[in-house]
């Protein structure tokens, strides 16, 4: 997929986007909202005539020691086969244990044992889908004391061993770096540029935790200036890739989303121009 800036397709905006067909690079859907036959899925078939589609799953539970739920994977695979999306992704997290689904993306320690679990699950997903997936870095609020790898080291090794790509969520880097006392620029070091296939951008909020500010990845506001600044550095280091603006709570008008995507597109275009001049 060529570098472009898109927006997340959310149900309150579906009818307006279907009617007006606004200009944007691509649309991202959450896989779990379209697994069965429904009017929304029929409408999505119409939209994909005019837009590239990215499928972003939230329930494959790539970090689950129980392995991937084969029934859920089959349903996601059927959707991917039907849509033939430009990108498919999920999160470095787990959400299933003992057959019970949790309504959250839960963290895992960055150890060799956890790495083996995630590699095995990613291998299974990619085998079933017949294609590469992208794995997204999470937002972190606490660090596991017994982690033996940094998050970037874990992600880089996951990509090397499984052949997956990485979805670099720039907002999550800012959230994690603030909450864990890390330097976001240092966080970027060591990531292999060729395996990065997409960027995510979103807003976050600031909460108080016993007198200390903590950043919460809530996707409920405009992309923060600190995230835009880091995005510029990310694009400079790793190149222009597809970039997606996520907004899931307190949804704004579609025009606001499109304006955020336009700002991301301008950043990508500027880097492409710089790369062309340097060639």
Protein backbone atom coordinates (compact mmCIF):
# COMPACT_ATOMS: atom_id res chain seq x y z
CA UNK A 1 0.00 0.00 0.00
CA UNK A 2 1.38 3.41 -0.98
CA UNK A 3 1.87 6.03 1.76
CA UNK A 4 -1.47 7.68 2.47
CA UNK A 5 -3.35 9.12 5.43
CA UNK A 6 -6.71 7.68 6.38
CA UNK A 7 -9.32 7.66 9.10
CA UNK A 8 -11.00 5.04 11.23
CA UNK A 9 -14.52 4.20 10.02
CA UNK A 10 -16.88 4.38 13.01
CA UNK A 11 -20.61 3.60 12.88
CA UNK A 12 -21.88 7.16 13.67
CA UNK A 13 -20.02 8.41 10.57
CA UNK A 14 -20.87 5.50 8.28
CA UNK A 15 -23.93 7.01 6.58
CA UNK A 16 -22.26 10.39 5.98
CA UNK A 17 -19.14 8.83 4.49
CA UNK A 18 -21.22 6.47 2.34
CA UNK A 19 -23.27 9.43 1.05
CA UNK A 20 -20.56 12.05 0.56
CA UNK A 21 -17.49 9.91 -0.24
CA UNK A 22 -15.03 12.45 1.25
CA UNK A 23 -11.46 12.37 0.02
CA UNK A 24 -9.19 10.36 2.31
CA UNK A 25 -6.40 7.90 1.73
CA UNK A 26 -8.06 4.81 3.20
CA UNK A 27 -10.56 3.62 5.78
CA UNK A 28 -9.76 1.38 8.73
CA UNK A 29 -12.35 -0.94 10.26
CA UNK A 30 -12.32 -3.02 13.42
CA UNK A 31 -12.64 -6.60 12.23
CA UNK A 32 -14.92 -7.70 15.03
CA UNK A 33 -17.65 -5.25 13.92
CA UNK A 34 -18.02 -6.95 10.53
CA UNK A 35 -17.67 -10.69 11.11
CA UNK A 36 -21.26 -11.60 10.28
CA UNK A 37 -23.76 -10.69 7.59
CA UNK A 38 -25.26 -7.26 8.34
CA UNK A 39 -26.35 -4.03 6.64
CA UNK A 40 -23.05 -2.48 7.80
CA UNK A 41 -21.07 -5.17 6.00
CA UNK A 42 -23.15 -4.66 2.87
CA UNK A 43 -22.41 -0.94 3.10
CA UNK A 44 -18.72 -1.68 3.52
CA UNK A 45 -18.79 -3.60 0.26
CA UNK A 46 -20.00 -0.42 -1.42
CA UNK A 47 -17.34 1.73 0.24
CA UNK A 48 -14.46 -0.52 -0.76
CA UNK A 49 -15.17 0.31 -4.38
CA UNK A 50 -13.86 3.81 -3.68
CA UNK A 51 -11.50 3.34 -0.71
CA UNK A 52 -8.64 1.08 0.24
CA UNK A 53 -9.55 -0.78 3.44
CA UNK A 54 -7.40 -1.64 6.44
CA UNK A 55 -8.64 -4.37 8.81
CA UNK A 56 -7.59 -3.77 12.42
CA UNK A 57 -8.50 -6.68 14.69
CA UNK A 58 -8.83 -6.37 18.46
CA UNK A 59 -9.63 -9.95 19.47
CA UNK A 60 -7.00 -12.32 18.08
CA UNK A 61 -5.23 -12.25 21.47
CA UNK A 62 -1.73 -12.66 20.06
CA UNK A 63 -0.23 -12.87 23.56
CA UNK A 64 -2.50 -15.65 24.83
CA UNK A 65 -0.66 -18.71 26.20
CA UNK A 66 -3.76 -20.74 25.25
CA UNK A 67 -3.08 -20.03 21.58
CA UNK A 68 -5.33 -18.39 19.04
CA UNK A 69 -9.06 -19.13 19.18
CA UNK A 70 -9.47 -21.05 15.93
CA UNK A 71 -13.17 -20.26 15.56
CA UNK A 72 -12.52 -16.55 15.89
CA UNK A 73 -9.56 -16.77 13.55
CA UNK A 74 -11.72 -18.53 10.95
CA UNK A 75 -14.23 -15.68 11.06
CA UNK A 76 -11.53 -13.04 10.72
CA UNK A 77 -9.97 -15.02 7.88
CA UNK A 78 -13.32 -15.15 6.07
CA UNK A 79 -13.65 -11.37 6.39
CA UNK A 80 -10.11 -10.79 5.13
CA UNK A 81 -10.66 -13.14 2.20
CA UNK A 82 -13.87 -11.31 1.32
CA UNK A 83 -12.53 -7.76 1.63
CA UNK A 84 -8.96 -8.32 0.37
CA UNK A 85 -7.80 -5.35 2.48
CA UNK A 86 -4.57 -3.48 1.93
CA UNK A 87 -3.46 -4.05 5.55
CA UNK A 88 -4.35 -6.41 8.40
CA UNK A 89 -3.24 -5.79 11.99
CA UNK A 90 -3.77 -6.57 15.66
CA UNK A 91 -2.13 -5.72 18.97
CA UNK A 92 0.76 -6.94 21.10
CA UNK A 93 -1.60 -7.94 23.88
CA UNK A 94 -3.83 -10.74 25.12
CA UNK A 95 -7.57 -10.79 25.82
CA UNK A 96 -8.50 -14.47 26.19
CA UNK A 97 -7.73 -16.95 28.97
CA UNK A 98 -9.42 -20.27 29.62
CA UNK A 99 -11.99 -19.57 26.92
CA UNK A 100 -13.05 -16.33 28.57
CA UNK A 101 -12.84 -13.07 26.64
CA UNK A 102 -11.92 -9.85 28.44
CA UNK A 103 -13.05 -6.50 27.11
CA UNK A 104 -9.55 -5.07 27.08
CA UNK A 105 -6.13 -5.40 25.51
CA UNK A 106 -4.04 -6.73 28.39
CA UNK A 107 -0.25 -6.39 28.67
CA UNK A 108 2.36 -9.11 28.74
CA UNK A 109 5.92 -9.23 30.09
CA UNK A 110 8.74 -8.82 27.61
CA UNK A 111 10.53 -12.12 28.20
CA UNK A 112 11.83 -14.89 25.96
CA UNK A 113 8.97 -17.12 27.13
CA UNK A 114 6.36 -14.51 26.16
CA UNK A 115 8.14 -13.93 22.86
CA UNK A 116 7.87 -17.63 21.99
CA UNK A 117 4.12 -17.49 22.70
CA UNK A 118 3.55 -14.44 20.51
CA UNK A 119 5.71 -15.77 17.67
CA UNK A 120 3.75 -19.02 17.70
CA UNK A 121 0.41 -17.18 17.63
CA UNK A 122 1.47 -14.74 14.92
CA UNK A 123 2.76 -17.63 12.83
CA UNK A 124 -0.61 -19.34 13.15
CA UNK A 125 -2.57 -16.21 12.20
CA UNK A 126 -0.37 -15.50 9.18
CA UNK A 127 -0.59 -19.13 8.07
CA UNK A 128 -4.39 -19.07 8.28
CA UNK A 129 -4.75 -15.70 6.55
CA UNK A 130 -2.13 -16.49 3.93
CA UNK A 131 -0.54 -13.08 4.38
CA UNK A 132 1.60 -10.93 6.64
CA UNK A 133 -0.03 -9.08 9.53
CA UNK A 134 1.16 -5.98 11.37
CA UNK A 135 1.50 -6.03 15.16
CA UNK A 136 0.87 -2.80 17.08
CA UNK A 137 2.87 -1.61 20.09
CA UNK A 138 0.57 -1.10 23.10
CA UNK A 139 0.17 1.83 25.46
CA UNK A 140 1.74 0.96 28.83
CA UNK A 141 0.91 2.18 32.32
CA UNK A 142 3.16 -0.08 34.40
CA UNK A 143 6.27 -2.10 33.59
CA UNK A 144 6.73 -5.76 34.47
CA UNK A 145 9.62 -6.06 36.93
CA UNK A 146 10.79 -9.35 35.39
CA UNK A 147 10.85 -8.21 31.74
CA UNK A 148 14.23 -9.02 30.22
CA UNK A 149 13.73 -7.21 26.91
CA UNK A 150 12.75 -3.65 26.15
CA UNK A 151 9.54 -3.21 24.17
CA UNK A 152 11.37 -2.22 20.95
CA UNK A 153 13.72 -5.22 21.34
CA UNK A 154 10.71 -7.50 21.79
CA UNK A 155 8.96 -6.07 18.72
CA UNK A 156 12.07 -6.24 16.54
CA UNK A 157 12.71 -9.87 17.50
CA UNK A 158 9.05 -10.74 16.95
CA UNK A 159 9.24 -9.32 13.43
CA UNK A 160 12.51 -11.13 12.71
CA UNK A 161 11.30 -14.53 13.92
CA UNK A 162 7.73 -14.46 12.59
CA UNK A 163 8.07 -12.33 9.47
CA UNK A 164 5.28 -10.04 10.66
CA UNK A 165 5.37 -6.30 10.17
CA UNK A 166 4.97 -3.61 12.80
CA UNK A 167 2.21 -1.06 13.19
CA UNK A 168 3.91 1.82 14.99
CA UNK A 169 1.39 3.67 17.13
CA UNK A 170 3.03 7.04 17.77
CA UNK A 171 0.49 8.07 20.41
CA UNK A 172 1.18 4.85 22.31
CA UNK A 173 4.91 5.60 22.28
CA UNK A 174 4.23 9.02 23.83
CA UNK A 175 1.88 7.51 26.44
CA UNK A 176 4.27 4.70 27.33
CA UNK A 177 7.34 6.93 27.47
CA UNK A 178 5.63 9.42 29.79
CA UNK A 179 4.14 6.81 32.10
CA UNK A 180 7.31 4.73 32.41
CA UNK A 181 9.77 7.63 32.49
CA UNK A 182 11.37 6.82 29.14
CA UNK A 183 12.73 9.03 26.36
CA UNK A 184 10.50 8.54 23.28
CA UNK A 185 13.45 9.18 20.96
CA UNK A 186 15.47 6.47 22.71
CA UNK A 187 12.44 4.18 22.35
CA UNK A 188 12.72 4.44 18.56
CA UNK A 189 16.34 3.31 18.42
CA UNK A 190 16.87 -0.20 17.19
CA UNK A 191 13.54 -0.59 15.42
CA UNK A 192 14.11 -1.98 11.90
CA UNK A 193 12.60 0.47 9.39
CA UNK A 194 11.84 -2.15 6.68
CA UNK A 195 9.35 -4.04 8.88
CA UNK A 196 7.28 -0.98 9.80
CA UNK A 197 4.17 -1.04 7.63
CA UNK A 198 1.82 1.55 9.12
CA UNK A 199 1.54 4.37 11.64
CA UNK A 200 -1.32 5.19 14.00
CA UNK A 201 -2.06 8.61 15.45
CA UNK A 202 -4.59 9.40 18.17
CA UNK A 203 -5.37 11.64 21.11
CA UNK A 204 -4.85 10.90 24.79
CA UNK A 205 -5.98 12.39 28.05
CA UNK A 206 -4.14 13.28 31.29
CA UNK A 207 -5.35 11.80 34.57
CA UNK A 208 -4.13 12.20 38.12
CA UNK A 209 -2.64 9.17 39.88
CA UNK A 210 -1.86 10.02 43.51
CA UNK A 211 -0.64 13.46 42.54
CA UNK A 212 1.28 12.33 39.47
CA UNK A 213 0.02 12.91 35.92
CA UNK A 214 -0.58 9.76 33.90
CA UNK A 215 -1.45 9.66 30.21
CA UNK A 216 -4.43 7.54 29.14
CA UNK A 217 -4.74 6.30 25.56
CA UNK A 218 -8.45 7.07 25.10
CA UNK A 219 -8.67 8.06 21.40
CA UNK A 220 -11.03 10.83 22.42
CA UNK A 221 -9.48 14.06 21.17
CA UNK A 222 -7.29 15.61 18.50
CA UNK A 223 -3.78 14.29 18.10
CA UNK A 224 -1.62 16.11 20.66
CA UNK A 225 1.23 18.39 19.61
CA UNK A 226 3.75 16.13 21.33
CA UNK A 227 2.50 13.23 19.21
CA UNK A 228 2.73 15.31 16.04
CA UNK A 229 6.30 16.26 16.92
CA UNK A 230 7.28 12.65 17.48
CA UNK A 231 5.45 11.64 14.30
CA UNK A 232 7.68 14.00 12.35
CA UNK A 233 10.74 12.30 13.82
CA UNK A 234 9.29 8.84 13.17
CA UNK A 235 8.62 9.63 9.50
CA UNK A 236 12.09 11.13 9.14
CA UNK A 237 13.69 7.99 10.55
CA UNK A 238 11.52 5.27 9.04
CA UNK A 239 10.06 6.90 5.94
CA UNK A 240 6.59 7.65 4.64
CA UNK A 241 4.15 4.79 5.38
CA UNK A 242 0.33 4.64 5.53
CA UNK A 243 -0.85 6.65 8.54
CA UNK A 244 -4.21 6.31 10.28
CA UNK A 245 -5.98 8.76 12.60
CA UNK A 246 -7.96 6.90 15.28
CA UNK A 247 -10.84 8.49 17.20
CA UNK A 248 -13.13 6.20 19.22
CA UNK A 249 -14.71 8.24 22.04
CA UNK A 250 -16.37 11.68 21.97
CA UNK A 251 -16.44 11.41 18.19
CA UNK A 252 -16.16 14.72 16.32
CA UNK A 253 -17.63 15.72 12.98
CA UNK A 254 -16.16 13.88 10.01
CA UNK A 255 -14.51 17.11 8.84
CA UNK A 256 -12.42 17.22 12.02
CA UNK A 257 -11.17 13.69 11.40
CA UNK A 258 -10.38 14.51 7.80
CA UNK A 259 -8.44 17.61 8.85
CA UNK A 260 -6.31 15.50 11.20
CA UNK A 261 -5.66 13.05 8.37
CA UNK A 262 -4.73 15.94 6.08
CA UNK A 263 -2.10 17.06 8.58
CA UNK A 264 -0.66 13.52 8.64
CA UNK A 265 -0.70 13.44 4.84
CA UNK A 266 1.21 16.73 4.67
CA UNK A 267 3.91 15.25 6.90
CA UNK A 268 4.17 12.15 4.72
CA UNK A 269 4.29 14.23 1.53
CA UNK A 270 7.03 16.44 2.95
CA UNK A 271 9.16 13.40 3.74
CA UNK A 272 8.58 11.89 0.32
CA UNK A 273 9.71 15.19 -1.20
CA UNK A 274 12.83 15.24 0.97
CA UNK A 275 13.64 11.65 0.02
CA UNK A 276 13.20 12.45 -3.68
CA UNK A 277 15.55 15.44 -3.44
CA UNK A 278 18.16 13.36 -1.65
CA UNK A 279 18.02 10.54 -4.22
